[in-house]
Amino acid sequence: MIRRLVVVALVIGVLAWLGIRWGHRRVKAAEPRVASVDTLSTGLRTARLYFAARDGSGLVAEARDLPERGELHDRVAQLVAELDRGPRGSAVAALPPGTAVLHVYLDDRGLMTLDLSRAFRERFEGGTTAEYLALSSLVRTLAANVPQAKRVLIVCGGEPLASLGGHLPLDRPLDVSDWP
């Protein structure tokens, strides 16, 4: 019980900090932004994305060149958007449709707190295998592209998430080494 209260307090504290930081970003958002990416002046990086195999037997890796993003939130949001967009090959998207990053925070010990849109929870359909593939796709993609992340705590719409489909616990951080 105390452990759960500590986790909830930590999540609330992180979300409050992110809310303050997000408020500062909104002030900056009033500045005009360029609508398209100029690939001549923007570097590209190769991201490794993980999608579900069509037969549900595991994950399939796909390399994709993406514009280089400096801020952690932008990089993680871009990765999740690409997972939501789906694969270019014969695999299938594993995340529930419409999943997006609301906030992300990475502490100095490698704990990434990832706040996903409500679509992650509300649009999930499937059983144990679908739940495993969705979480595995997300965690493996983050681990491959954000090596500083050692553990991932998933919250949804600013609220703690006990489980996505009732089979795998999400009330504590997921250790990326447990998702090979």
N, C-alpha and C. Protein backbone atom coordinates (compact mmCIF):
# COMPACT_ATOMS: atom_id res chain seq x y z
N MET A 1 0.83 -1.19 0.00
CA MET A 1 0.00 0.00 0.00
C MET A 1 0.87 1.25 0.00
N ILE A 2 1.90 1.25 0.85
CA ILE A 2 2.78 2.42 0.92
C ILE A 2 3.53 2.58 -0.39
N ARG A 3 3.93 1.46 -0.97
CA ARG A 3 4.65 1.51 -2.25
C ARG A 3 3.78 2.15 -3.32
N ARG A 4 2.52 1.77 -3.37
CA ARG A 4 1.58 2.32 -4.35
C ARG A 4 1.39 3.82 -4.13
N LEU A 5 1.27 4.24 -2.85
CA LEU A 5 1.12 5.67 -2.54
C LEU A 5 2.36 6.46 -2.97
N VAL A 6 3.53 5.87 -2.77
CA VAL A 6 4.77 6.53 -3.19
C VAL A 6 4.79 6.69 -4.71
N VAL A 7 4.39 5.64 -5.43
CA VAL A 7 4.37 5.70 -6.89
C VAL A 7 3.37 6.75 -7.37
N VAL A 8 2.19 6.77 -6.76
CA VAL A 8 1.17 7.76 -7.14
C VAL A 8 1.67 9.17 -6.86
N ALA A 9 2.29 9.37 -5.69
CA ALA A 9 2.82 10.69 -5.34
C ALA A 9 3.92 11.10 -6.33
N LEU A 10 4.77 10.17 -6.71
CA LEU A 10 5.82 10.45 -7.68
C LEU A 10 5.22 10.85 -9.02
N VAL A 11 4.23 10.10 -9.47
CA VAL A 11 3.59 10.41 -10.76
C VAL A 11 2.94 11.78 -10.71
N ILE A 12 2.23 12.09 -9.63
CA ILE A 12 1.59 13.39 -9.50
C ILE A 12 2.63 14.50 -9.49
N GLY A 13 3.72 14.30 -8.78
CA GLY A 13 4.79 15.30 -8.75
C GLY A 13 5.40 15.52 -10.12
N VAL A 14 5.66 14.44 -10.83
CA VAL A 14 6.23 14.53 -12.17
C VAL A 14 5.27 15.24 -13.11
N LEU A 15 3.99 14.88 -13.03
CA LEU A 15 3.00 15.51 -13.90
C LEU A 15 2.84 17.00 -13.58
N ALA A 16 2.92 17.36 -12.30
CA ALA A 16 2.86 18.78 -11.94
C ALA A 16 4.05 19.52 -12.53
N TRP A 17 5.23 18.93 -12.40
CA TRP A 17 6.43 19.55 -12.96
C TRP A 17 6.30 19.70 -14.47
N LEU A 18 5.79 18.63 -15.11
CA LEU A 18 5.60 18.68 -16.56
C LEU A 18 4.57 19.72 -16.95
N GLY A 19 3.52 19.87 -16.14
CA GLY A 19 2.50 20.88 -16.42
C GLY A 19 3.08 22.28 -16.39
N ILE A 20 3.94 22.54 -15.41
CA ILE A 20 4.58 23.85 -15.34
C ILE A 20 5.49 24.06 -16.54
N ARG A 21 6.25 23.03 -16.85
CA ARG A 21 7.15 23.13 -18.00
C ARG A 21 6.38 23.27 -19.31
N TRP A 22 5.26 22.53 -19.43
CA TRP A 22 4.43 22.61 -20.62
C TRP A 22 3.83 24.01 -20.75
N GLY A 23 3.47 24.62 -19.63
CA GLY A 23 2.94 25.98 -19.66
C GLY A 23 3.95 26.96 -20.23
N HIS A 24 5.23 26.77 -19.91
CA HIS A 24 6.28 27.62 -20.47
C HIS A 24 6.41 27.39 -21.96
N ARG A 25 6.24 26.15 -22.40
CA ARG A 25 6.31 25.85 -23.83
C ARG A 25 5.18 26.50 -24.59
N ARG A 26 3.99 26.54 -23.97
CA ARG A 26 2.83 27.14 -24.65
C ARG A 26 3.06 28.61 -24.92
N VAL A 27 3.79 29.30 -24.04
CA VAL A 27 4.11 30.70 -24.29
C VAL A 27 5.00 30.80 -25.52
N LYS A 28 5.97 29.89 -25.63
CA LYS A 28 6.85 29.89 -26.78
C LYS A 28 6.11 29.47 -28.05
N ALA A 29 5.03 28.70 -27.90
CA ALA A 29 4.30 28.19 -29.06
C ALA A 29 3.65 29.30 -29.88
N ALA A 30 3.52 30.49 -29.32
CA ALA A 30 2.92 31.60 -30.05
C ALA A 30 3.80 32.03 -31.22
N GLU A 31 5.08 31.70 -31.16
CA GLU A 31 5.97 32.04 -32.25
C GLU A 31 5.61 31.21 -33.47
N PRO A 32 5.68 31.77 -34.68
CA PRO A 32 5.33 30.99 -35.87
C PRO A 32 6.30 29.83 -36.07
N ARG A 33 5.74 28.71 -36.52
CA ARG A 33 6.56 27.53 -36.79
C ARG A 33 6.52 27.22 -38.27
N VAL A 34 7.60 26.66 -38.75
CA VAL A 34 7.67 26.23 -40.13
C VAL A 34 6.84 24.95 -40.25
N ALA A 35 5.96 24.90 -41.23
CA ALA A 35 5.03 23.78 -41.36
C ALA A 35 5.71 22.50 -41.85
N SER A 36 6.74 22.60 -42.65
CA SER A 36 7.38 21.40 -43.16
C SER A 36 8.82 21.34 -42.69
N VAL A 37 9.37 20.15 -42.78
CA VAL A 37 10.75 19.93 -42.37
C VAL A 37 11.66 20.13 -43.56
N ASP A 38 12.67 20.96 -43.39
CA ASP A 38 13.66 21.19 -44.43
C ASP A 38 14.77 20.17 -44.22
N THR A 39 14.77 19.10 -45.02
CA THR A 39 15.74 18.03 -44.81
C THR A 39 17.15 18.41 -45.23
N LEU A 40 17.30 19.54 -45.91
CA LEU A 40 18.65 19.98 -46.27
C LEU A 40 19.37 20.56 -45.06
N SER A 41 18.62 21.22 -44.18
CA SER A 41 19.26 21.82 -43.02
C SER A 41 19.04 21.00 -41.75
N THR A 42 18.12 20.06 -41.78
CA THR A 42 17.83 19.22 -40.64
C THR A 42 18.47 17.85 -40.86
N GLY A 43 19.19 17.40 -39.86
CA GLY A 43 19.80 16.08 -39.98
C GLY A 43 18.77 14.98 -39.84
N LEU A 44 19.07 13.87 -40.43
CA LEU A 44 18.22 12.70 -40.30
C LEU A 44 18.92 11.70 -39.41
N ARG A 45 18.15 10.92 -38.70
CA ARG A 45 18.70 9.83 -37.91
C ARG A 45 17.88 8.59 -38.21
N THR A 46 18.51 7.46 -38.10
CA THR A 46 17.80 6.21 -38.35
C THR A 46 17.26 5.71 -37.02
N ALA A 47 15.94 5.57 -36.96
CA ALA A 47 15.28 5.06 -35.76
C ALA A 47 14.94 3.59 -35.99
N ARG A 48 14.97 2.84 -34.92
CA ARG A 48 14.59 1.42 -34.98
C ARG A 48 13.23 1.30 -34.30
N LEU A 49 12.23 0.90 -35.09
CA LEU A 49 10.86 0.77 -34.60
C LEU A 49 10.49 -0.70 -34.55
N TYR A 50 9.66 -1.06 -33.60
CA TYR A 50 9.23 -2.45 -33.46
C TYR A 50 7.72 -2.56 -33.63
N PHE A 51 7.31 -3.41 -34.56
CA PHE A 51 5.90 -3.65 -34.85
C PHE A 51 5.60 -5.14 -34.64
N ALA A 52 4.33 -5.47 -34.55
CA ALA A 52 3.93 -6.87 -34.35
C ALA A 52 4.03 -7.64 -35.66
N ALA A 53 4.52 -8.86 -35.58
CA ALA A 53 4.50 -9.74 -36.74
C ALA A 53 3.04 -10.02 -37.08
N ARG A 54 2.76 -10.15 -38.34
CA ARG A 54 1.37 -10.36 -38.80
C ARG A 54 0.71 -11.57 -38.13
N ASP A 55 1.48 -12.62 -37.83
CA ASP A 55 0.91 -13.81 -37.21
C ASP A 55 0.89 -13.73 -35.68
N GLY A 56 1.34 -12.59 -35.11
CA GLY A 56 1.31 -12.40 -33.66
C GLY A 56 2.38 -13.14 -32.90
N SER A 57 3.36 -13.68 -33.62
CA SER A 57 4.39 -14.49 -32.98
C SER A 57 5.49 -13.69 -32.29
N GLY A 58 5.53 -12.41 -32.50
CA GLY A 58 6.58 -11.58 -31.89
C GLY A 58 6.64 -10.24 -32.57
N LEU A 59 7.81 -9.61 -32.50
CA LEU A 59 7.99 -8.29 -33.07
C LEU A 59 8.90 -8.33 -34.29
N VAL A 60 8.72 -7.36 -35.15
CA VAL A 60 9.53 -7.19 -36.35
C VAL A 60 10.15 -5.80 -36.28
N ALA A 61 11.47 -5.71 -36.42
CA ALA A 61 12.15 -4.42 -36.39
C ALA A 61 12.10 -3.78 -37.78
N GLU A 62 11.94 -2.46 -37.77
CA GLU A 62 11.94 -1.70 -39.02
C GLU A 62 12.76 -0.44 -38.81
N ALA A 63 13.72 -0.22 -39.68
CA ALA A 63 14.52 1.00 -39.62
C ALA A 63 13.80 2.09 -40.42
N ARG A 64 13.82 3.31 -39.87
CA ARG A 64 13.15 4.41 -40.53
C ARG A 64 13.96 5.68 -40.30
N ASP A 65 14.22 6.42 -41.37
CA ASP A 65 14.93 7.70 -41.26
C ASP A 65 13.94 8.78 -40.84
N LEU A 66 14.27 9.45 -39.73
CA LEU A 66 13.41 10.49 -39.18
C LEU A 66 14.21 11.78 -39.01
N PRO A 67 13.55 12.93 -39.08
CA PRO A 67 14.26 14.18 -38.81
C PRO A 67 14.79 14.19 -37.38
N GLU A 68 15.98 14.71 -37.21
CA GLU A 68 16.61 14.77 -35.89
C GLU A 68 15.84 15.74 -35.01
N ARG A 69 15.51 15.31 -33.81
CA ARG A 69 14.81 16.14 -32.83
C ARG A 69 15.71 16.30 -31.62
N GLY A 70 15.80 17.52 -31.10
CA GLY A 70 16.70 17.78 -29.98
C GLY A 70 16.10 17.47 -28.62
N GLU A 71 14.86 17.89 -28.39
CA GLU A 71 14.24 17.72 -27.08
C GLU A 71 13.70 16.31 -26.91
N LEU A 72 13.81 15.79 -25.70
CA LEU A 72 13.36 14.44 -25.40
C LEU A 72 11.88 14.27 -25.76
N HIS A 73 11.04 15.20 -25.35
CA HIS A 73 9.61 15.08 -25.64
C HIS A 73 9.37 14.95 -27.14
N ASP A 74 10.04 15.77 -27.93
CA ASP A 74 9.85 15.73 -29.38
C ASP A 74 10.31 14.40 -29.97
N ARG A 75 11.43 13.88 -29.48
CA ARG A 75 11.94 12.60 -29.99
C ARG A 75 11.01 11.45 -29.66
N VAL A 76 10.56 11.39 -28.41
CA VAL A 76 9.68 10.31 -27.98
C VAL A 76 8.32 10.42 -28.66
N ALA A 77 7.80 11.65 -28.76
CA ALA A 77 6.51 11.85 -29.44
C ALA A 77 6.60 11.40 -30.90
N GLN A 78 7.73 11.68 -31.52
CA GLN A 78 7.94 11.28 -32.92
C GLN A 78 7.97 9.75 -33.04
N LEU A 79 8.64 9.08 -32.12
CA LEU A 79 8.71 7.62 -32.15
C LEU A 79 7.33 6.99 -31.98
N VAL A 80 6.57 7.48 -31.01
CA VAL A 80 5.24 6.94 -30.77
C VAL A 80 4.32 7.25 -31.95
N ALA A 81 4.46 8.42 -32.56
CA ALA A 81 3.66 8.76 -33.74
C ALA A 81 3.97 7.80 -34.89
N GLU A 82 5.23 7.43 -35.04
CA GLU A 82 5.61 6.49 -36.09
C GLU A 82 5.06 5.09 -35.79
N LEU A 83 5.06 4.69 -34.52
CA LEU A 83 4.46 3.40 -34.16
C LEU A 83 2.96 3.42 -34.45
N ASP A 84 2.32 4.55 -34.16
CA ASP A 84 0.89 4.69 -34.43
C ASP A 84 0.61 4.69 -35.93
N ARG A 85 1.51 5.30 -36.69
CA ARG A 85 1.36 5.37 -38.16
C ARG A 85 1.41 3.96 -38.76
N GLY A 86 2.18 3.10 -38.17
CA GLY A 86 2.25 1.71 -38.63
C GLY A 86 3.47 1.42 -39.47
N PRO A 87 3.68 0.15 -39.73
CA PRO A 87 4.87 -0.28 -40.47
C PRO A 87 4.73 -0.03 -41.97
N ARG A 88 5.86 -0.07 -42.63
CA ARG A 88 5.88 0.05 -44.09
C ARG A 88 5.97 -1.33 -44.73
N GLY A 89 6.35 -2.30 -43.94
CA GLY A 89 6.51 -3.66 -44.45
C GLY A 89 5.29 -4.51 -44.16
N SER A 90 5.54 -5.79 -43.92
CA SER A 90 4.45 -6.75 -43.76
C SER A 90 3.96 -6.90 -42.32
N ALA A 91 4.54 -6.20 -41.38
CA ALA A 91 4.12 -6.28 -39.98
C ALA A 91 2.84 -5.46 -39.78
N VAL A 92 2.36 -5.41 -38.55
CA VAL A 92 1.17 -4.63 -38.22
C VAL A 92 1.45 -3.76 -37.00
N ALA A 93 0.73 -2.65 -36.89
CA ALA A 93 0.87 -1.76 -35.73
C ALA A 93 0.38 -2.51 -34.49
N ALA A 94 1.10 -2.34 -33.39
CA ALA A 94 0.72 -3.03 -32.15
C ALA A 94 0.04 -2.09 -31.16
N LEU A 95 0.29 -0.79 -31.27
CA LEU A 95 -0.32 0.16 -30.34
C LEU A 95 -1.78 0.41 -30.71
N PRO A 96 -2.61 0.69 -29.72
CA PRO A 96 -3.99 1.07 -30.03
C PRO A 96 -3.99 2.33 -30.90
N PRO A 97 -4.88 2.41 -31.89
CA PRO A 97 -4.89 3.56 -32.80
C PRO A 97 -5.13 4.87 -32.05
N GLY A 98 -4.41 5.90 -32.47
CA GLY A 98 -4.55 7.21 -31.85
C GLY A 98 -3.67 7.44 -30.65
N THR A 99 -2.84 6.47 -30.30
CA THR A 99 -1.93 6.63 -29.17
C THR A 99 -0.94 7.75 -29.47
N ALA A 100 -0.80 8.66 -28.53
CA ALA A 100 0.13 9.79 -28.69
C ALA A 100 0.74 10.12 -27.34
N VAL A 101 1.86 10.82 -27.37
CA VAL A 101 2.56 11.23 -26.15
C VAL A 101 2.01 12.58 -25.69
N LEU A 102 1.59 12.62 -24.43
CA LEU A 102 1.18 13.89 -23.83
C LEU A 102 2.38 14.56 -23.16
N HIS A 103 3.06 13.78 -22.32
CA HIS A 103 4.23 14.28 -21.60
C HIS A 103 5.24 13.14 -21.46
N VAL A 104 6.49 13.53 -21.33
CA VAL A 104 7.54 12.54 -21.06
C VAL A 104 8.59 13.19 -20.17
N TYR A 105 9.09 12.42 -19.23
CA TYR A 105 10.11 12.91 -18.32
C TYR A 105 11.11 11.79 -18.08
N LEU A 106 12.38 12.11 -18.12
CA LEU A 106 13.44 11.14 -17.87
C LEU A 106 14.30 11.64 -16.73
N ASP A 107 14.34 10.89 -15.63
CA ASP A 107 15.16 11.35 -14.50
C ASP A 107 16.60 10.90 -14.65
N ASP A 108 17.45 11.32 -13.74
CA ASP A 108 18.88 11.04 -13.84
C ASP A 108 19.23 9.59 -13.54
N ARG A 109 18.26 8.78 -13.10
CA ARG A 109 18.51 7.36 -12.85
C ARG A 109 17.95 6.48 -13.96
N GLY A 110 17.48 7.10 -15.03
CA GLY A 110 17.00 6.33 -16.18
C GLY A 110 15.54 5.96 -16.15
N LEU A 111 14.76 6.55 -15.23
CA LEU A 111 13.32 6.29 -15.18
C LEU A 111 12.60 7.26 -16.11
N MET A 112 11.99 6.70 -17.15
CA MET A 112 11.20 7.51 -18.07
C MET A 112 9.73 7.37 -17.66
N THR A 113 9.10 8.50 -17.35
CA THR A 113 7.67 8.52 -17.10
C THR A 113 7.02 8.98 -18.39
N LEU A 114 6.16 8.15 -18.93
CA LEU A 114 5.56 8.38 -20.23
C LEU A 114 4.05 8.50 -20.05
N ASP A 115 3.52 9.69 -20.31
CA ASP A 115 2.09 9.94 -20.21
C ASP A 115 1.51 9.87 -21.62
N LEU A 116 0.70 8.84 -21.87
CA LEU A 116 0.11 8.63 -23.18
C LEU A 116 -1.33 9.11 -23.21
N SER A 117 -1.81 9.38 -24.40
CA SER A 117 -3.20 9.81 -24.58
C SER A 117 -4.16 8.71 -24.14
N ARG A 118 -5.38 9.12 -23.85
CA ARG A 118 -6.40 8.16 -23.40
C ARG A 118 -6.70 7.09 -24.45
N ALA A 119 -6.40 7.38 -25.71
CA ALA A 119 -6.62 6.39 -26.77
C ALA A 119 -5.84 5.10 -26.50
N PHE A 120 -4.70 5.22 -25.83
CA PHE A 120 -3.90 4.04 -25.51
C PHE A 120 -4.73 3.03 -24.72
N ARG A 121 -5.46 3.50 -23.74
CA ARG A 121 -6.28 2.63 -22.90
C ARG A 121 -7.64 2.36 -23.52
N GLU A 122 -8.29 3.40 -24.01
CA GLU A 122 -9.67 3.28 -24.46
C GLU A 122 -9.82 2.50 -25.77
N ARG A 123 -8.83 2.53 -26.62
CA ARG A 123 -8.94 1.86 -27.91
C ARG A 123 -8.22 0.51 -27.96
N PHE A 124 -7.72 0.08 -26.82
CA PHE A 124 -7.07 -1.23 -26.79
C PHE A 124 -8.12 -2.32 -26.92
N GLU A 125 -7.89 -3.24 -27.85
CA GLU A 125 -8.74 -4.41 -28.03
C GLU A 125 -7.82 -5.61 -28.15
N GLY A 126 -8.12 -6.62 -27.40
CA GLY A 126 -7.31 -7.82 -27.52
C GLY A 126 -7.07 -8.47 -26.19
N GLY A 127 -6.39 -9.58 -26.26
CA GLY A 127 -6.11 -10.36 -25.07
C GLY A 127 -4.66 -10.24 -24.64
N THR A 128 -4.18 -11.29 -24.06
CA THR A 128 -2.83 -11.31 -23.50
C THR A 128 -1.77 -11.04 -24.55
N THR A 129 -1.87 -11.69 -25.70
CA THR A 129 -0.86 -11.52 -26.74
C THR A 129 -0.86 -10.10 -27.27
N ALA A 130 -2.02 -9.53 -27.53
CA ALA A 130 -2.11 -8.16 -28.04
C ALA A 130 -1.54 -7.17 -27.01
N GLU A 131 -1.82 -7.41 -25.74
CA GLU A 131 -1.29 -6.54 -24.69
C GLU A 131 0.23 -6.64 -24.62
N TYR A 132 0.74 -7.86 -24.65
CA TYR A 132 2.19 -8.05 -24.62
C TYR A 132 2.85 -7.37 -25.83
N LEU A 133 2.29 -7.55 -27.02
CA LEU A 133 2.88 -6.96 -28.22
C LEU A 133 2.83 -5.44 -28.19
N ALA A 134 1.74 -4.86 -27.69
CA ALA A 134 1.64 -3.40 -27.61
C ALA A 134 2.71 -2.84 -26.67
N LEU A 135 2.82 -3.43 -25.48
CA LEU A 135 3.81 -2.94 -24.52
C LEU A 135 5.23 -3.21 -25.00
N SER A 136 5.44 -4.37 -25.57
CA SER A 136 6.76 -4.73 -26.06
C SER A 136 7.18 -3.81 -27.21
N SER A 137 6.27 -3.52 -28.12
CA SER A 137 6.55 -2.61 -29.22
C SER A 137 6.99 -1.24 -28.70
N LEU A 138 6.25 -0.75 -27.72
CA LEU A 138 6.55 0.57 -27.15
C LEU A 138 7.87 0.57 -26.39
N VAL A 139 8.06 -0.37 -25.48
CA VAL A 139 9.26 -0.39 -24.64
C VAL A 139 10.51 -0.67 -25.48
N ARG A 140 10.45 -1.61 -26.40
CA ARG A 140 11.63 -1.92 -27.22
C ARG A 140 12.00 -0.76 -28.14
N THR A 141 11.00 -0.07 -28.68
CA THR A 141 11.29 1.09 -29.52
C THR A 141 11.95 2.19 -28.70
N LEU A 142 11.45 2.44 -27.51
CA LEU A 142 12.05 3.47 -26.65
C LEU A 142 13.47 3.08 -26.25
N ALA A 143 13.67 1.82 -25.88
CA ALA A 143 15.00 1.37 -25.46
C ALA A 143 16.01 1.48 -26.60
N ALA A 144 15.58 1.18 -27.81
CA ALA A 144 16.48 1.22 -28.96
C ALA A 144 16.86 2.64 -29.36
N ASN A 145 16.01 3.61 -29.06
CA ASN A 145 16.23 4.97 -29.55
C ASN A 145 16.51 5.99 -28.46
N VAL A 146 16.26 5.64 -27.22
CA VAL A 146 16.58 6.51 -26.08
C VAL A 146 17.34 5.65 -25.09
N PRO A 147 18.63 5.42 -25.33
CA PRO A 147 19.39 4.49 -24.50
C PRO A 147 19.51 4.90 -23.03
N GLN A 148 19.25 6.17 -22.72
CA GLN A 148 19.29 6.62 -21.32
C GLN A 148 18.13 6.05 -20.52
N ALA A 149 17.06 5.64 -21.19
CA ALA A 149 15.88 5.09 -20.52
C ALA A 149 16.15 3.64 -20.12
N LYS A 150 16.15 3.39 -18.83
CA LYS A 150 16.39 2.04 -18.31
C LYS A 150 15.09 1.40 -17.82
N ARG A 151 14.14 2.24 -17.40
CA ARG A 151 12.84 1.78 -16.94
C ARG A 151 11.79 2.75 -17.47
N VAL A 152 10.60 2.24 -17.75
CA VAL A 152 9.52 3.07 -18.30
C VAL A 152 8.28 2.90 -17.44
N LEU A 153 7.77 4.02 -16.91
CA LEU A 153 6.52 4.05 -16.17
C LEU A 153 5.48 4.66 -17.09
N ILE A 154 4.43 3.89 -17.38
CA ILE A 154 3.40 4.36 -18.30
C ILE A 154 2.19 4.84 -17.50
N VAL A 155 1.79 6.07 -17.77
CA VAL A 155 0.55 6.61 -17.24
C VAL A 155 -0.30 7.00 -18.44
N CYS A 156 -1.57 7.20 -18.21
CA CYS A 156 -2.47 7.45 -19.33
C CYS A 156 -3.40 8.61 -19.00
N GLY A 157 -3.30 9.67 -19.78
CA GLY A 157 -4.14 10.84 -19.55
C GLY A 157 -3.89 11.46 -18.19
N GLY A 158 -2.67 11.36 -17.70
CA GLY A 158 -2.31 11.93 -16.42
C GLY A 158 -2.66 11.06 -15.22
N GLU A 159 -3.21 9.88 -15.46
CA GLU A 159 -3.62 9.00 -14.37
C GLU A 159 -2.81 7.71 -14.39
N PRO A 160 -2.52 7.17 -13.21
CA PRO A 160 -1.83 5.88 -13.16
C PRO A 160 -2.65 4.82 -13.90
N LEU A 161 -1.97 3.87 -14.47
CA LEU A 161 -2.61 2.82 -15.25
C LEU A 161 -2.20 1.48 -14.64
N ALA A 162 -3.17 0.75 -14.10
CA ALA A 162 -2.86 -0.53 -13.46
C ALA A 162 -2.44 -1.57 -14.47
N SER A 163 -3.11 -1.58 -15.63
CA SER A 163 -2.83 -2.54 -16.68
C SER A 163 -3.50 -2.05 -17.96
N LEU A 164 -3.02 -2.49 -19.09
CA LEU A 164 -3.63 -2.10 -20.35
C LEU A 164 -4.84 -2.98 -20.66
N GLY A 165 -4.67 -4.28 -20.54
CA GLY A 165 -5.76 -5.21 -20.84
C GLY A 165 -6.06 -6.17 -19.71
N GLY A 166 -5.45 -5.95 -18.55
CA GLY A 166 -5.73 -6.80 -17.40
C GLY A 166 -4.78 -7.96 -17.21
N HIS A 167 -3.74 -8.06 -18.05
CA HIS A 167 -2.85 -9.22 -17.97
C HIS A 167 -1.44 -8.87 -17.49
N LEU A 168 -0.97 -7.68 -17.82
CA LEU A 168 0.39 -7.28 -17.45
C LEU A 168 0.33 -6.03 -16.59
N PRO A 169 1.01 -6.03 -15.43
CA PRO A 169 0.93 -4.89 -14.52
C PRO A 169 1.69 -3.67 -15.04
N LEU A 170 1.05 -2.52 -14.93
CA LEU A 170 1.69 -1.25 -15.30
C LEU A 170 1.74 -0.29 -14.12
N ASP A 171 1.48 -0.78 -12.92
CA ASP A 171 1.50 0.09 -11.75
C ASP A 171 2.91 0.31 -11.21
N ARG A 172 3.88 -0.25 -11.89
CA ARG A 172 5.29 -0.03 -11.54
C ARG A 172 6.07 0.06 -12.86
N PRO A 173 7.26 0.65 -12.80
CA PRO A 173 8.04 0.82 -14.04
C PRO A 173 8.40 -0.52 -14.68
N LEU A 174 8.45 -0.51 -16.00
CA LEU A 174 8.87 -1.68 -16.77
C LEU A 174 10.36 -1.56 -17.03
N ASP A 175 11.11 -2.56 -16.66
CA ASP A 175 12.56 -2.57 -16.88
C ASP A 175 12.80 -2.94 -18.35
N VAL A 176 13.47 -2.06 -19.11
CA VAL A 176 13.65 -2.30 -20.54
C VAL A 176 14.42 -3.58 -20.82
N SER A 177 15.25 -4.03 -19.90
CA SER A 177 16.01 -5.27 -20.11
C SER A 177 15.11 -6.49 -20.03
N ASP A 178 13.90 -6.36 -19.49
CA ASP A 178 12.96 -7.47 -19.43
C ASP A 178 12.17 -7.63 -20.73
N TRP A 179 12.39 -6.75 -21.70
CA TRP A 179 11.63 -6.75 -22.96
C TRP A 179 12.58 -6.91 -24.14
N PRO A 180 13.31 -8.04 -24.20
CA PRO A 180 14.32 -8.22 -25.27
C PRO A 180 13.72 -8.38 -26.65
